[in-house]
PDB file of all heavy atoms in Angstrom:
ATOM      1  N   GLU A   1     -57.854   6.893-132.825  1.00  0.00           N
ATOM      2  CA  GLU A   1     -57.505   6.627-134.212  1.00  0.00           C
ATOM      3  C   GLU A   1     -56.027   7.092-134.437  1.00  0.00           C
ATOM      4  O   GLU A   1     -55.254   6.385-135.116  1.00  0.00           O
ATOM      5  CB  GLU A   1     -58.446   7.362-135.150  1.00  0.00           C
ATOM      6  CG  GLU A   1     -58.168   7.037-136.598  1.00  0.00           C
ATOM      7  CD  GLU A   1     -59.258   7.597-137.506  1.00  0.00           C
ATOM      8  OE1 GLU A   1     -59.970   8.515-137.086  1.00  0.00           O
ATOM      9  OE2 GLU A   1     -59.409   7.098-138.661  1.00  0.00           O
ATOM     10  N   LYS A   2     -55.653   8.224-133.872  1.00  0.00           N
ATOM     11  CA  LYS A   2     -54.299   8.715-134.030  1.00  0.00           C
ATOM     12  C   LYS A   2     -53.324   7.724-133.381  1.00  0.00           C
ATOM     13  O   LYS A   2     -52.252   7.414-133.964  1.00  0.00           O
ATOM     14  CB  LYS A   2     -54.177  10.082-133.352  1.00  0.00           C
ATOM     15  CG  LYS A   2     -52.804  10.750-133.457  1.00  0.00           C
ATOM     16  CD  LYS A   2     -52.832  12.163-132.876  1.00  0.00           C
ATOM     17  CE  LYS A   2     -51.487  12.873-132.954  1.00  0.00           C
ATOM     18  NZ  LYS A   2     -50.446  12.257-132.136  1.00  0.00           N
ATOM     19  N   TRP A   3     -53.652   7.225-132.190  1.00  0.00           N
ATOM     20  CA  TRP A   3     -52.783   6.275-131.467  1.00  0.00           C
ATOM     21  C   TRP A   3     -52.586   4.982-132.282  1.00  0.00           C
ATOM     22  O   TRP A   3     -51.483   4.491-132.409  1.00  0.00           O
ATOM     23  CB  TRP A   3     -53.404   5.951-130.107  1.00  0.00           C
ATOM     24  CG  TRP A   3     -52.586   5.005-129.266  1.00  0.00           C
ATOM     25  CD1 TRP A   3     -51.589   5.346-128.368  1.00  0.00           C
ATOM     26  CD2 TRP A   3     -52.639   3.581-129.226  1.00  0.00           C
ATOM     27  NE1 TRP A   3     -51.056   4.236-127.809  1.00  0.00           N
ATOM     28  CE2 TRP A   3     -51.675   3.102-128.325  1.00  0.00           C
ATOM     29  CE3 TRP A   3     -53.456   2.645-129.876  1.00  0.00           C
ATOM     30  CZ2 TRP A   3     -51.492   1.776-128.006  1.00  0.00           C
ATOM     31  CZ3 TRP A   3     -53.225   1.280-129.652  1.00  0.00           C
ATOM     32  CH2 TRP A   3     -52.269   0.868-128.729  1.00  0.00           C
ATOM     33  N   MET A   4     -53.720   4.455-132.896  1.00  0.00           N
ATOM     34  CA  MET A   4     -53.570   3.257-133.694  1.00  0.00           C
ATOM     35  C   MET A   4     -52.774   3.487-134.973  1.00  0.00           C
ATOM     36  O   MET A   4     -51.986   2.644-135.337  1.00  0.00           O
ATOM     37  CB  MET A   4     -54.972   2.723-134.010  1.00  0.00           C
ATOM     38  CG  MET A   4     -55.726   2.193-132.817  1.00  0.00           C
ATOM     39  SD  MET A   4     -57.225   1.249-133.256  1.00  0.00           S
ATOM     40  CE  MET A   4     -58.239   2.541-133.987  1.00  0.00           C
ATOM     41  N   ASN A   5     -52.981   4.653-135.590  1.00  0.00           N
ATOM     42  CA  ASN A   5     -52.234   4.942-136.830  1.00  0.00           C
ATOM     43  C   ASN A   5     -50.754   5.060-136.546  1.00  0.00           C
ATOM     44  O   ASN A   5     -49.920   4.731-137.400  1.00  0.00           O
ATOM     45  CB  ASN A   5     -52.754   6.258-137.457  1.00  0.00           C
ATOM     46  CG  ASN A   5     -54.141   6.085-138.059  1.00  0.00           C
ATOM     47  OD1 ASN A   5     -54.583   4.981-138.309  1.00  0.00           O
ATOM     48  ND2 ASN A   5     -54.846   7.211-138.196  1.00  0.00           N
ATOM     49  N   GLU A   6     -50.449   5.602-135.362  1.00  0.00           N
ATOM     50  CA  GLU A   6     -49.019   5.783-134.974  1.00  0.00           C
ATOM     51  C   GLU A   6     -48.334   4.484-134.456  1.00  0.00           C
ATOM     52  O   GLU A   6     -47.159   4.507-134.203  1.00  0.00           O
ATOM     53  CB  GLU A   6     -48.911   6.848-133.932  1.00  0.00           C
ATOM     54  CG  GLU A   6     -49.223   8.278-134.493  1.00  0.00           C
ATOM     55  CD  GLU A   6     -49.257   9.350-133.435  1.00  0.00           C
ATOM     56  OE1 GLU A   6     -49.185   8.975-132.248  1.00  0.00           O
ATOM     57  OE2 GLU A   6     -49.315  10.555-133.814  1.00  0.00           O
ATOM     58  N   SER A   7     -49.131   3.447-134.292  1.00  0.00           N
ATOM     59  CA  SER A   7     -48.624   2.141-133.795  1.00  0.00           C
ATOM     60  C   SER A   7     -48.032   1.405-134.978  1.00  0.00           C
ATOM     61  O   SER A   7     -48.533   0.348-135.407  1.00  0.00           O
ATOM     62  CB  SER A   7     -49.698   1.325-133.133  1.00  0.00           C
ATOM     63  OG  SER A   7     -50.257   2.035-132.050  1.00  0.00           O
ATOM     64  N   THR A   8     -46.942   1.897-135.555  1.00  0.00           N
ATOM     65  CA  THR A   8     -46.388   1.368-136.818  1.00  0.00           C
ATOM     66  C   THR A   8     -45.800  -0.018-136.617  1.00  0.00           C
ATOM     67  O   THR A   8     -45.598  -0.761-137.572  1.00  0.00           O
ATOM     68  CB  THR A   8     -45.316   2.321-137.345  1.00  0.00           C
ATOM     69  OG1 THR A   8     -44.342   2.617-136.272  1.00  0.00           O
ATOM     70  CG2 THR A   8     -45.956   3.613-137.797  1.00  0.00           C
ATOM     71  N   ASN A   9     -45.428  -0.367-135.354  1.00  0.00           N
ATOM     72  CA  ASN A   9     -44.967  -1.746-135.086  1.00  0.00           C
ATOM     73  C   ASN A   9     -46.093  -2.714-134.751  1.00  0.00           C
ATOM     74  O   ASN A   9     -45.863  -3.851-134.331  1.00  0.00           O
ATOM     75  CB  ASN A   9     -43.909  -1.737-134.019  1.00  0.00           C
ATOM     76  CG  ASN A   9     -42.632  -1.067-134.416  1.00  0.00           C
ATOM     77  OD1 ASN A   9     -41.952  -1.540-135.276  1.00  0.00           O
ATOM     78  ND2 ASN A   9     -42.360   0.077-133.803  1.00  0.00           N
ATOM     79  N   GLY A  10     -47.333  -2.180-134.849  1.00  0.00           N
ATOM     80  CA  GLY A  10     -48.506  -2.991-134.556  1.00  0.00           C
ATOM     81  C   GLY A  10     -48.949  -2.823-133.090  1.00  0.00           C
ATOM     82  O   GLY A  10     -48.220  -2.291-132.238  1.00  0.00           O
ATOM     83  N   PHE A  11     -50.190  -3.292-132.842  1.00  0.00           N
ATOM     84  CA  PHE A  11     -50.663  -3.254-131.443  1.00  0.00           C
ATOM     85  C   PHE A  11     -51.545  -4.454-131.164  1.00  0.00           C
ATOM     86  O   PHE A  11     -52.089  -5.084-132.087  1.00  0.00           O
ATOM     87  CB  PHE A  11     -51.472  -1.990-131.185  1.00  0.00           C
ATOM     88  CG  PHE A  11     -52.798  -1.846-131.919  1.00  0.00           C
ATOM     89  CD1 PHE A  11     -53.976  -2.288-131.319  1.00  0.00           C
ATOM     90  CD2 PHE A  11     -52.864  -1.265-133.150  1.00  0.00           C
ATOM     91  CE1 PHE A  11     -55.167  -2.168-132.007  1.00  0.00           C
ATOM     92  CE2 PHE A  11     -54.046  -1.123-133.832  1.00  0.00           C
ATOM     93  CZ  PHE A  11     -55.208  -1.593-133.248  1.00  0.00           C
ATOM     94  N   VAL A  12     -51.601  -4.817-129.901  1.00  0.00           N
ATOM     95  CA  VAL A  12     -52.438  -5.901-129.387  1.00  0.00           C
ATOM     96  C   VAL A  12     -53.646  -5.276-128.673  1.00  0.00           C
ATOM     97  O   VAL A  12     -53.471  -4.348-127.881  1.00  0.00           O
ATOM     98  CB  VAL A  12     -51.697  -6.816-128.430  1.00  0.00           C
ATOM     99  CG1 VAL A  12     -52.590  -7.839-127.773  1.00  0.00           C
ATOM    100  CG2 VAL A  12     -50.545  -7.570-129.180  1.00  0.00           C
ATOM    101  N   TYR A  13     -54.830  -5.787-128.924  1.00  0.00           N
ATOM    102  CA  TYR A  13     -56.040  -5.304-128.262  1.00  0.00           C
ATOM    103  C   TYR A  13     -56.457  -6.299-127.187  1.00  0.00           C
ATOM    104  O   TYR A  13     -56.557  -7.497-127.431  1.00  0.00           O
ATOM    105  CB  TYR A  13     -57.145  -5.128-129.288  1.00  0.00           C
ATOM    106  CG  TYR A  13     -58.520  -4.797-128.740  1.00  0.00           C
ATOM    107  CD1 TYR A  13     -58.687  -3.840-127.713  1.00  0.00           C
ATOM    108  CD2 TYR A  13     -59.665  -5.395-129.262  1.00  0.00           C
ATOM    109  CE1 TYR A  13     -59.950  -3.575-127.238  1.00  0.00           C
ATOM    110  CE2 TYR A  13     -60.935  -5.142-128.807  1.00  0.00           C
ATOM    111  CZ  TYR A  13     -61.082  -4.197-127.778  1.00  0.00           C
ATOM    112  OH  TYR A  13     -62.316  -3.948-127.285  1.00  0.00           O
ATOM    113  N   PHE A  14     -56.722  -5.822-125.958  1.00  0.00           N
ATOM    114  CA  PHE A  14     -57.019  -6.678-124.785  1.00  0.00           C
ATOM    115  C   PHE A  14     -58.249  -6.185-124.105  1.00  0.00           C
ATOM    116  O   PHE A  14     -58.292  -5.049-123.649  1.00  0.00           O
ATOM    117  CB  PHE A  14     -55.766  -6.667-123.876  1.00  0.00           C
ATOM    118  CG  PHE A  14     -55.887  -7.569-122.669  1.00  0.00           C
ATOM    119  CD1 PHE A  14     -56.914  -8.452-122.463  1.00  0.00           C
ATOM    120  CD2 PHE A  14     -54.912  -7.507-121.670  1.00  0.00           C
ATOM    121  CE1 PHE A  14     -57.005  -9.279-121.342  1.00  0.00           C
ATOM    122  CE2 PHE A  14     -54.948  -8.339-120.543  1.00  0.00           C
ATOM    123  CZ  PHE A  14     -56.012  -9.224-120.392  1.00  0.00           C
ATOM    124  N   THR A  15     -59.245  -7.029-124.017  1.00  0.00           N
ATOM    125  CA  THR A  15     -60.450  -6.692-123.231  1.00  0.00           C
ATOM    126  C   THR A  15     -61.118  -7.956-122.727  1.00  0.00           C
ATOM    127  O   THR A  15     -61.076  -8.991-123.369  1.00  0.00           O
ATOM    128  CB  THR A  15     -61.505  -5.885-124.082  1.00  0.00           C
ATOM    129  OG1 THR A  15     -62.637  -5.606-123.318  1.00  0.00           O
ATOM    130  CG2 THR A  15     -61.888  -6.679-125.308  1.00  0.00           C
ATOM    131  N   PHE A  16     -61.740  -7.828-121.544  1.00  0.00           N
ATOM    132  CA  PHE A  16     -62.580  -8.896-121.020  1.00  0.00           C
ATOM    133  C   PHE A  16     -64.038  -8.586-121.180  1.00  0.00           C
ATOM    134  O   PHE A  16     -64.900  -8.959-120.384  1.00  0.00           O
ATOM    135  CB  PHE A  16     -62.247  -9.177-119.538  1.00  0.00           C
ATOM    136  CG  PHE A  16     -60.994 -10.023-119.352  1.00  0.00           C
ATOM    137  CD1 PHE A  16     -60.167  -9.813-118.238  1.00  0.00           C
ATOM    138  CD2 PHE A  16     -60.662 -10.999-120.267  1.00  0.00           C
ATOM    139  CE1 PHE A  16     -59.037 -10.631-118.047  1.00  0.00           C
ATOM    140  CE2 PHE A  16     -59.519 -11.825-120.074  1.00  0.00           C
ATOM    141  CZ  PHE A  16     -58.719 -11.623-118.958  1.00  0.00           C
ATOM    142  N   GLY A  17     -64.394  -7.800-122.223  1.00  0.00           N
ATOM    143  CA  GLY A  17     -65.740  -7.563-122.554  1.00  0.00           C
ATOM    144  C   GLY A  17     -66.389  -6.352-121.929  1.00  0.00           C
ATOM    145  O   GLY A  17     -65.701  -5.574-121.219  1.00  0.00           O
ATOM    146  N   SER A  18     -67.685  -6.185-122.076  1.00  0.00           N
ATOM    147  CA  SER A  18     -68.407  -5.011-121.625  1.00  0.00           C
ATOM    148  C   SER A  18     -68.698  -5.029-120.117  1.00  0.00           C
ATOM    149  O   SER A  18     -69.003  -3.956-119.588  1.00  0.00           O
ATOM    150  CB  SER A  18     -69.755  -4.850-122.400  1.00  0.00           C
ATOM    151  OG  SER A  18     -70.561  -5.980-122.123  1.00  0.00           O
ATOM    152  N   MET A  19     -68.522  -6.178-119.495  1.00  0.00           N
ATOM    153  CA  MET A  19     -68.923  -6.269-118.071  1.00  0.00           C
ATOM    154  C   MET A  19     -67.747  -6.363-117.121  1.00  0.00           C
ATOM    155  O   MET A  19     -67.670  -5.650-116.112  1.00  0.00           O
ATOM    156  CB  MET A  19     -69.858  -7.468-117.866  1.00  0.00           C
ATOM    157  CG  MET A  19     -71.170  -7.403-118.638  1.00  0.00           C
ATOM    158  SD  MET A  19     -72.355  -8.684-118.162  1.00  0.00           S
ATOM    159  CE  MET A  19     -71.598 -10.151-118.827  1.00  0.00           C
ATOM    160  N   VAL A  20     -66.771  -7.197-117.424  1.00  0.00           N
ATOM    161  CA  VAL A  20     -65.719  -7.563-116.431  1.00  0.00           C
ATOM    162  C   VAL A  20     -64.684  -6.462-116.337  1.00  0.00           C
ATOM    163  O   VAL A  20     -64.208  -5.914-117.338  1.00  0.00           O
ATOM    164  CB  VAL A  20     -65.038  -8.907-116.854  1.00  0.00           C
ATOM    165  CG1 VAL A  20     -63.923  -9.198-115.874  1.00  0.00           C
ATOM    166  CG2 VAL A  20     -66.069 -10.036-116.831  1.00  0.00           C
ATOM    167  N   LYS A  21     -64.304  -6.113-115.087  1.00  0.00           N
ATOM    168  CA  LYS A  21     -63.293  -5.097-114.804  1.00  0.00           C
ATOM    169  C   LYS A  21     -61.902  -5.798-114.552  1.00  0.00           C
ATOM    170  O   LYS A  21     -61.779  -6.497-113.571  1.00  0.00           O
ATOM    171  CB  LYS A  21     -63.680  -4.286-113.598  1.00  0.00           C
ATOM    172  CG  LYS A  21     -64.963  -3.484-113.757  1.00  0.00           C
ATOM    173  CD  LYS A  21     -65.327  -2.805-112.488  1.00  0.00           C
ATOM    174  CE  LYS A  21     -64.378  -1.769-112.079  1.00  0.00           C
ATOM    175  NZ  LYS A  21     -64.810  -0.996-110.868  1.00  0.00           N
ATOM    176  N   ILE A  22     -60.991  -5.605-115.466  1.00  0.00           N
ATOM    177  CA  ILE A  22     -59.641  -6.170-115.300  1.00  0.00           C
ATOM    178  C   ILE A  22     -58.983  -5.683-114.007  1.00  0.00           C
ATOM    179  O   ILE A  22     -58.287  -6.416-113.338  1.00  0.00           O
ATOM    180  CB  ILE A  22     -58.782  -5.828-116.527  1.00  0.00           C
ATOM    181  CG1 ILE A  22     -59.300  -6.490-117.756  1.00  0.00           C
ATOM    182  CG2 ILE A  22     -57.306  -6.256-116.259  1.00  0.00           C
ATOM    183  CD1 ILE A  22     -58.525  -6.226-118.996  1.00  0.00           C
ATOM    184  N   GLU A  23     -59.275  -4.435-113.655  1.00  0.00           N
ATOM    185  CA  GLU A  23     -58.646  -3.846-112.452  1.00  0.00           C
ATOM    186  C   GLU A  23     -59.119  -4.494-111.155  1.00  0.00           C
ATOM    187  O   GLU A  23     -58.521  -4.275-110.082  1.00  0.00           O
ATOM    188  CB  GLU A  23     -58.883  -2.346-112.420  1.00  0.00           C
ATOM    189  CG  GLU A  23     -60.352  -1.909-112.408  1.00  0.00           C
ATOM    190  CD  GLU A  23     -60.908  -1.641-113.800  1.00  0.00           C
ATOM    191  OE1 GLU A  23     -60.559  -2.416-114.729  1.00  0.00           O
ATOM    192  OE2 GLU A  23     -61.652  -0.698-113.952  1.00  0.00           O
ATOM    193  N   SER A  24     -60.184  -5.321-111.199  1.00  0.00           N
ATOM    194  CA  SER A  24     -60.631  -6.031-109.992  1.00  0.00           C
ATOM    195  C   SER A  24     -59.947  -7.361-109.793  1.00  0.00           C
ATOM    196  O   SER A  24     -60.160  -8.025-108.788  1.00  0.00           O
ATOM    197  CB  SER A  24     -62.135  -6.239-110.073  1.00  0.00           C
ATOM    198  OG  SER A  24     -62.458  -7.204-111.034  1.00  0.00           O
ATOM    199  N   PHE A  25     -59.089  -7.756-110.749  1.00  0.00           N
ATOM    200  CA  PHE A  25     -58.434  -9.095-110.643  1.00  0.00           C
ATOM    201  C   PHE A  25     -57.351  -9.060-109.567  1.00  0.00           C
ATOM    202  O   PHE A  25     -56.767  -7.966-109.302  1.00  0.00           O
ATOM    203  CB  PHE A  25     -57.775  -9.420-112.011  1.00  0.00           C
ATOM    204  CG  PHE A  25     -58.743 -10.090-112.975  1.00  0.00           C
ATOM    205  CD1 PHE A  25     -59.938  -9.456-113.265  1.00  0.00           C
ATOM    206  CD2 PHE A  25     -58.448 -11.276-113.609  1.00  0.00           C
ATOM    207  CE1 PHE A  25     -60.848 -10.024-114.160  1.00  0.00           C
ATOM    208  CE2 PHE A  25     -59.367 -11.833-114.492  1.00  0.00           C
ATOM    209  CZ  PHE A  25     -60.538 -11.235-114.791  1.00  0.00           C
ATOM    210  N   PRO A  26     -57.096 -10.156-108.912  1.00  0.00           N
ATOM    211  CA  PRO A  26     -56.054 -10.237-107.889  1.00  0.00           C
ATOM    212  C   PRO A  26     -54.674  -9.785-108.439  1.00  0.00           C
ATOM    213  O   PRO A  26     -54.412  -9.879-109.646  1.00  0.00           O
ATOM    214  CB  PRO A  26     -56.091 -11.689-107.476  1.00  0.00           C
ATOM    215  CG  PRO A  26     -57.427 -12.161-107.794  1.00  0.00           C
ATOM    216  CD  PRO A  26     -57.851 -11.456-109.010  1.00  0.00           C
ATOM    217  N   LEU A  27     -53.842  -9.326-107.536  1.00  0.00           N
ATOM    218  CA  LEU A  27     -52.511  -8.831-107.888  1.00  0.00           C
ATOM    219  C   LEU A  27     -51.724  -9.796-108.766  1.00  0.00           C
ATOM    220  O   LEU A  27     -51.089  -9.386-109.755  1.00  0.00           O
ATOM    221  CB  LEU A  27     -51.782  -8.511-106.625  1.00  0.00           C
ATOM    222  CG  LEU A  27     -50.279  -8.065-106.802  1.00  0.00           C
ATOM    223  CD1 LEU A  27     -50.219  -6.773-107.620  1.00  0.00           C
ATOM    224  CD2 LEU A  27     -49.605  -7.925-105.441  1.00  0.00           C
ATOM    225  N   LYS A  28     -51.755 -11.109-108.458  1.00  0.00           N
ATOM    226  CA  LYS A  28     -50.926 -12.039-109.201  1.00  0.00           C
ATOM    227  C   LYS A  28     -51.318 -12.093-110.663  1.00  0.00           C
ATOM    228  O   LYS A  28     -50.429 -12.225-111.593  1.00  0.00           O
ATOM    229  CB  LYS A  28     -51.066 -13.501-108.627  1.00  0.00           C
ATOM    230  CG  LYS A  28     -52.383 -14.110-108.687  1.00  0.00           C
ATOM    231  CD  LYS A  28     -52.346 -15.544-108.156  1.00  0.00           C
ATOM    232  CE  LYS A  28     -53.706 -16.222-108.304  1.00  0.00           C
ATOM    233  NZ  LYS A  28     -53.673 -17.661-107.846  1.00  0.00           N
TER     234      LYS A  28
END
C-alpha cells in the first residue's frame, strides 16, 4: 500500500494470473 501511494506518477500492474510463472518464459 505504501509503494502504491508513493507511485505519484502512476503505476502499471502486470500479471499472468494465479497459475503462470512469468520467470519461466524464454529469454527473448
